[in-house]
Amino acid sequence: MSRAPTAERRRRGGCPVCGKPPGASSAPFCSQGCRDRDLLNWLGDSYRVPGPPAGVDSEG
């Protein structure tokens, strides 16, 4: 299950983690497990924006 969902699946409203249809109690995720996995990705810095490290002054 390490395969990321395609952009097409996400556009159609699938789970952002695995691409399955969303569950009623955990939308937009398919289950509480995918919801928890997404939270762990945020907390573990898996979602990052490329750029210079924060707090580093570029002036010498």
PDB file of N, CA and C in Angstrom:
ATOM      1  N   MET A   1       0.818  -1.191   0.000  1.00  0.00           N
ATOM      2  CA  MET A   1       0.000   0.000   0.000  1.00  0.00           C
ATOM      3  C   MET A   1       0.862   1.255   0.000  1.00  0.00           C
ATOM      4  N   SER A   2       2.114   1.140  -0.345  1.00  0.00           N
ATOM      5  CA  SER A   2       2.993   2.291  -0.368  1.00  0.00           C
ATOM      6  C   SER A   2       2.823   3.116  -1.635  1.00  0.00           C
ATOM      7  N   ARG A   3       2.012   2.621  -2.580  1.00  0.00           N
ATOM      8  CA  ARG A   3       1.804   3.336  -3.831  1.00  0.00           C
ATOM      9  C   ARG A   3       0.889   4.530  -3.601  1.00  0.00           C
ATOM     10  N   ALA A   4       1.319   5.693  -4.066  1.00  0.00           N
ATOM     11  CA  ALA A   4       0.523   6.910  -3.895  1.00  0.00           C
ATOM     12  C   ALA A   4      -0.630   6.914  -4.891  1.00  0.00           C
ATOM     13  N   PRO A   5      -1.777   7.479  -4.509  1.00  0.00           N
ATOM     14  CA  PRO A   5      -2.900   7.555  -5.440  1.00  0.00           C
ATOM     15  C   PRO A   5      -2.587   8.521  -6.565  1.00  0.00           C
ATOM     16  N   THR A   6      -3.160   8.261  -7.714  1.00  0.00           N
ATOM     17  CA  THR A   6      -2.933   9.138  -8.860  1.00  0.00           C
ATOM     18  C   THR A   6      -3.696  10.439  -8.678  1.00  0.00           C
ATOM     19  N   ALA A   7      -3.264  11.454  -9.400  1.00  0.00           N
ATOM     20  CA  ALA A   7      -3.946  12.750  -9.328  1.00  0.00           C
ATOM     21  C   ALA A   7      -5.385  12.620  -9.808  1.00  0.00           C
ATOM     22  N   GLU A   8      -5.620  11.718 -10.754  1.00  0.00           N
ATOM     23  CA  GLU A   8      -6.984  11.520 -11.265  1.00  0.00           C
ATOM     24  C   GLU A   8      -7.904  11.008 -10.160  1.00  0.00           C
ATOM     25  N   ARG A   9      -7.432  10.079  -9.352  1.00  0.00           N
ATOM     26  CA  ARG A   9      -8.257   9.561  -8.253  1.00  0.00           C
ATOM     27  C   ARG A   9      -8.580  10.659  -7.258  1.00  0.00           C
ATOM     28  N   ARG A  10      -7.590  11.501  -6.964  1.00  0.00           N
ATOM     29  CA  ARG A  10      -7.833  12.577  -5.999  1.00  0.00           C
ATOM     30  C   ARG A  10      -8.841  13.571  -6.542  1.00  0.00           C
ATOM     31  N   ARG A  11      -8.776  13.868  -7.841  1.00  0.00           N
ATOM     32  CA  ARG A  11      -9.728  14.819  -8.437  1.00  0.00           C
ATOM     33  C   ARG A  11     -11.148  14.286  -8.369  1.00  0.00           C
ATOM     34  N   ARG A  12     -11.306  12.979  -8.472  1.00  0.00           N
ATOM     35  CA  ARG A  12     -12.645  12.386  -8.454  1.00  0.00           C
ATOM     36  C   ARG A  12     -13.191  12.279  -7.036  1.00  0.00           C
ATOM     37  N   GLY A  13     -12.451  12.688  -6.043  1.00  0.00           N
ATOM     38  CA  GLY A  13     -12.960  12.688  -4.691  1.00  0.00           C
ATOM     39  C   GLY A  13     -12.568  11.475  -3.873  1.00  0.00           C
ATOM     40  N   GLY A  14     -11.504  10.775  -4.269  1.00  0.00           N
ATOM     41  CA  GLY A  14     -11.043   9.629  -3.504  1.00  0.00           C
ATOM     42  C   GLY A  14     -10.259  10.058  -2.279  1.00  0.00           C
ATOM     43  N   CYS A  15      -9.980   9.090  -1.436  1.00  0.00           N
ATOM     44  CA  CYS A  15      -9.193   9.314  -0.229  1.00  0.00           C
ATOM     45  C   CYS A  15      -7.833   9.900  -0.611  1.00  0.00           C
ATOM     46  N   PRO A  16      -7.373  10.965   0.045  1.00  0.00           N
ATOM     47  CA  PRO A  16      -6.082  11.572  -0.285  1.00  0.00           C
ATOM     48  C   PRO A  16      -4.900  10.643  -0.013  1.00  0.00           C
ATOM     49  N   VAL A  17      -5.069   9.637   0.825  1.00  0.00           N
ATOM     50  CA  VAL A  17      -3.974   8.740   1.164  1.00  0.00           C
ATOM     51  C   VAL A  17      -3.921   7.540   0.232  1.00  0.00           C
ATOM     52  N   CYS A  18      -5.066   6.872   0.014  1.00  0.00           N
ATOM     53  CA  CYS A  18      -5.043   5.628  -0.759  1.00  0.00           C
ATOM     54  C   CYS A  18      -5.888   5.668  -2.030  1.00  0.00           C
ATOM     55  N   GLY A  19      -6.762   6.658  -2.187  1.00  0.00           N
ATOM     56  CA  GLY A  19      -7.560   6.780  -3.395  1.00  0.00           C
ATOM     57  C   GLY A  19      -8.909   6.078  -3.360  1.00  0.00           C
ATOM     58  N   LYS A  20      -9.219   5.336  -2.284  1.00  0.00           N
ATOM     59  CA  LYS A  20     -10.517   4.661  -2.178  1.00  0.00           C
ATOM     60  C   LYS A  20     -11.625   5.688  -1.972  1.00  0.00           C
ATOM     61  N   PRO A  21     -12.875   5.313  -2.208  1.00  0.00           N
ATOM     62  CA  PRO A  21     -13.984   6.248  -1.963  1.00  0.00           C
ATOM     63  C   PRO A  21     -14.044   6.667  -0.493  1.00  0.00           C
ATOM     64  N   PRO A  22     -14.393   7.910  -0.223  1.00  0.00           N
ATOM     65  CA  PRO A  22     -14.435   8.391   1.159  1.00  0.00           C
ATOM     66  C   PRO A  22     -15.532   7.722   1.972  1.00  0.00           C
ATOM     67  N   GLY A  23     -15.265   7.542   3.258  1.00  0.00           N
ATOM     68  CA  GLY A  23     -16.245   6.993   4.178  1.00  0.00           C
ATOM     69  C   GLY A  23     -17.088   8.106   4.773  1.00  0.00           C
ATOM     70  N   ALA A  24     -18.300   7.786   5.152  1.00  0.00           N
ATOM     71  CA  ALA A  24     -19.215   8.803   5.680  1.00  0.00           C
ATOM     72  C   ALA A  24     -18.711   9.410   6.984  1.00  0.00           C
ATOM     73  N   SER A  25     -18.122   8.601   7.851  1.00  0.00           N
ATOM     74  CA  SER A  25     -17.713   9.102   9.161  1.00  0.00           C
ATOM     75  C   SER A  25     -16.311   9.696   9.178  1.00  0.00           C
ATOM     76  N   SER A  26     -15.560   9.536   8.098  1.00  0.00           N
ATOM     77  CA  SER A  26     -14.183  10.027   8.108  1.00  0.00           C
ATOM     78  C   SER A  26     -13.817  10.800   6.844  1.00  0.00           C
ATOM     79  N   ALA A  27     -14.807  11.326   6.131  1.00  0.00           N
ATOM     80  CA  ALA A  27     -14.563  12.059   4.887  1.00  0.00           C
ATOM     81  C   ALA A  27     -13.603  13.216   5.145  1.00  0.00           C
ATOM     82  N   PRO A  28     -12.706  13.507   4.257  1.00  0.00           N
ATOM     83  CA  PRO A  28     -12.530  12.998   2.905  1.00  0.00           C
ATOM     84  C   PRO A  28     -11.725  11.702   2.836  1.00  0.00           C
ATOM     85  N   PHE A  29     -11.393  11.122   3.964  1.00  0.00           N
ATOM     86  CA  PHE A  29     -10.631   9.878   3.986  1.00  0.00           C
ATOM     87  C   PHE A  29     -11.580   8.684   3.937  1.00  0.00           C
ATOM     88  N   CYS A  30     -11.045   7.509   3.554  1.00  0.00           N
ATOM     89  CA  CYS A  30     -11.891   6.320   3.451  1.00  0.00           C
ATOM     90  C   CYS A  30     -12.104   5.661   4.809  1.00  0.00           C
ATOM     91  N   SER A  31     -11.195   5.880   5.742  1.00  0.00           N
ATOM     92  CA  SER A  31     -11.298   5.231   7.049  1.00  0.00           C
ATOM     93  C   SER A  31     -10.525   6.041   8.095  1.00  0.00           C
ATOM     94  N   GLN A  32     -10.714   5.673   9.343  1.00  0.00           N
ATOM     95  CA  GLN A  32      -9.986   6.323  10.419  1.00  0.00           C
ATOM     96  C   GLN A  32      -8.491   6.033  10.296  1.00  0.00           C
ATOM     97  N   GLY A  33      -8.140   4.865   9.762  1.00  0.00           N
ATOM     98  CA  GLY A  33      -6.728   4.518   9.576  1.00  0.00           C
ATOM     99  C   GLY A  33      -6.023   5.470   8.618  1.00  0.00           C
ATOM    100  N   CYS A  34      -6.666   5.788   7.493  1.00  0.00           N
ATOM    101  CA  CYS A  34      -6.072   6.737   6.548  1.00  0.00           C
ATOM    102  C   CYS A  34      -6.042   8.138   7.138  1.00  0.00           C
ATOM    103  N   ARG A  35      -7.048   8.484   7.902  1.00  0.00           N
ATOM    104  CA  ARG A  35      -7.058   9.788   8.565  1.00  0.00           C
ATOM    105  C   ARG A  35      -5.887   9.911   9.538  1.00  0.00           C
ATOM    106  N   ASP A  36      -5.643   8.858  10.317  1.00  0.00           N
ATOM    107  CA  ASP A  36      -4.520   8.846  11.257  1.00  0.00           C
ATOM    108  C   ASP A  36      -3.182   8.857  10.523  1.00  0.00           C
ATOM    109  N   ARG A  37      -3.084   8.111   9.423  1.00  0.00           N
ATOM    110  CA  ARG A  37      -1.847   8.060   8.644  1.00  0.00           C
ATOM    111  C   ARG A  37      -1.514   9.450   8.095  1.00  0.00           C
ATOM    112  N   ASP A  38      -2.535  10.191   7.634  1.00  0.00           N
ATOM    113  CA  ASP A  38      -2.318  11.539   7.125  1.00  0.00           C
ATOM    114  C   ASP A  38      -1.824  12.461   8.237  1.00  0.00           C
ATOM    115  N   LEU A  39      -2.407  12.354   9.420  1.00  0.00           N
ATOM    116  CA  LEU A  39      -1.966  13.166  10.551  1.00  0.00           C
ATOM    117  C   LEU A  39      -0.520  12.852  10.906  1.00  0.00           C
ATOM    118  N   LEU A  40      -0.156  11.578  10.916  1.00  0.00           N
ATOM    119  CA  LEU A  40       1.229  11.204  11.209  1.00  0.00           C
ATOM    120  C   LEU A  40       2.186  11.744  10.149  1.00  0.00           C
ATOM    121  N   ASN A  41       1.743  11.810   8.902  1.00  0.00           N
ATOM    122  CA  ASN A  41       2.584  12.400   7.855  1.00  0.00           C
ATOM    123  C   ASN A  41       2.839  13.874   8.127  1.00  0.00           C
ATOM    124  N   TRP A  42       1.809  14.599   8.580  1.00  0.00           N
ATOM    125  CA  TRP A  42       1.992  16.010   8.925  1.00  0.00           C
ATOM    126  C   TRP A  42       2.916  16.163  10.128  1.00  0.00           C
ATOM    127  N   LEU A  43       2.695  15.361  11.152  1.00  0.00           N
ATOM    128  CA  LEU A  43       3.496  15.482  12.370  1.00  0.00           C
ATOM    129  C   LEU A  43       4.936  15.027  12.155  1.00  0.00           C
ATOM    130  N   GLY A  44       5.151  14.095  11.240  1.00  0.00           N
ATOM    131  CA  GLY A  44       6.483  13.568  10.988  1.00  0.00           C
ATOM    132  C   GLY A  44       7.228  14.289   9.884  1.00  0.00           C
ATOM    133  N   ASP A  45       6.741  15.439   9.433  1.00  0.00           N
ATOM    134  CA  ASP A  45       7.384  16.238   8.389  1.00  0.00           C
ATOM    135  C   ASP A  45       7.487  15.515   7.053  1.00  0.00           C
ATOM    136  N   SER A  46       6.567  14.609   6.751  1.00  0.00           N
ATOM    137  CA  SER A  46       6.558  13.967   5.439  1.00  0.00           C
ATOM    138  C   SER A  46       6.056  14.912   4.360  1.00  0.00           C
ATOM    139  N   TYR A  47       5.227  15.875   4.750  1.00  0.00           N
ATOM    140  CA  TYR A  47       4.734  16.877   3.811  1.00  0.00           C
ATOM    141  C   TYR A  47       5.613  18.110   3.979  1.00  0.00           C
ATOM    142  N   ARG A  48       6.452  18.376   2.983  1.00  0.00           N
ATOM    143  CA  ARG A  48       7.366  19.513   3.069  1.00  0.00           C
ATOM    144  C   ARG A  48       7.305  20.320   1.782  1.00  0.00           C
ATOM    145  N   VAL A  49       7.600  21.585   1.905  1.00  0.00           N
ATOM    146  CA  VAL A  49       7.724  22.461   0.752  1.00  0.00           C
ATOM    147  C   VAL A  49       9.213  22.717   0.562  1.00  0.00           C
ATOM    148  N   PRO A  50       9.754  22.449  -0.633  1.00  0.00           N
ATOM    149  CA  PRO A  50      11.191  22.655  -0.835  1.00  0.00           C
ATOM    150  C   PRO A  50      11.572  24.123  -0.704  1.00  0.00           C
ATOM    151  N   GLY A  51      12.729  24.367  -0.166  1.00  0.00           N
ATOM    152  CA  GLY A  51      13.230  25.721  -0.011  1.00  0.00           C
ATOM    153  C   GLY A  51      14.337  25.749   1.007  1.00  0.00           C
ATOM    154  N   PRO A  52      14.852  26.927   1.293  1.00  0.00           N
ATOM    155  CA  PRO A  52      15.928  27.030   2.279  1.00  0.00           C
ATOM    156  C   PRO A  52      15.398  26.709   3.674  1.00  0.00           C
ATOM    157  N   PRO A  53      16.247  26.238   4.553  1.00  0.00           N
ATOM    158  CA  PRO A  53      15.818  25.942   5.924  1.00  0.00           C
ATOM    159  C   PRO A  53      15.258  27.184   6.611  1.00  0.00           C
ATOM    160  N   ALA A  54      14.239  26.998   7.402  1.00  0.00           N
ATOM    161  CA  ALA A  54      13.609  28.117   8.107  1.00  0.00           C
ATOM    162  C   ALA A  54      14.552  28.641   9.183  1.00  0.00           C
ATOM    163  N   GLY A  55      14.584  29.958   9.333  1.00  0.00           N
ATOM    164  CA  GLY A  55      15.363  30.579  10.388  1.00  0.00           C
ATOM    165  C   GLY A  55      16.820  30.803  10.024  1.00  0.00           C
ATOM    166  N   VAL A  56      17.220  30.458   8.814  1.00  0.00           N
ATOM    167  CA  VAL A  56      18.606  30.672   8.410  1.00  0.00           C
ATOM    168  C   VAL A  56      18.679  31.989   7.670  1.00  0.00           C
ATOM    169  N   ASP A  57      19.545  32.866   8.140  1.00  0.00           N
ATOM    170  CA  ASP A  57      19.713  34.171   7.518  1.00  0.00           C
ATOM    171  C   ASP A  57      20.627  34.034   6.311  1.00  0.00           C
ATOM    172  N   SER A  58      20.186  34.491   5.145  1.00  0.00           N
ATOM    173  CA  SER A  58      20.970  34.336   3.923  1.00  0.00           C
ATOM    174  C   SER A  58      22.111  35.349   3.823  1.00  0.00           C
ATOM    175  N   GLU A  59      22.093  36.383   4.667  1.00  0.00           N
ATOM    176  CA  GLU A  59      23.158  37.375   4.646  1.00  0.00           C
ATOM    177  C   GLU A  59      24.357  36.869   5.433  1.00  0.00           C
ATOM    178  N   GLY A  60      25.537  37.155   4.944  1.00  0.00           N
ATOM    179  CA  GLY A  60      26.772  36.663   5.559  1.00  0.00           C
ATOM    180  C   GLY A  60      27.192  37.464   6.678  1.00  0.00           C
TER     181      GLY A  60
END
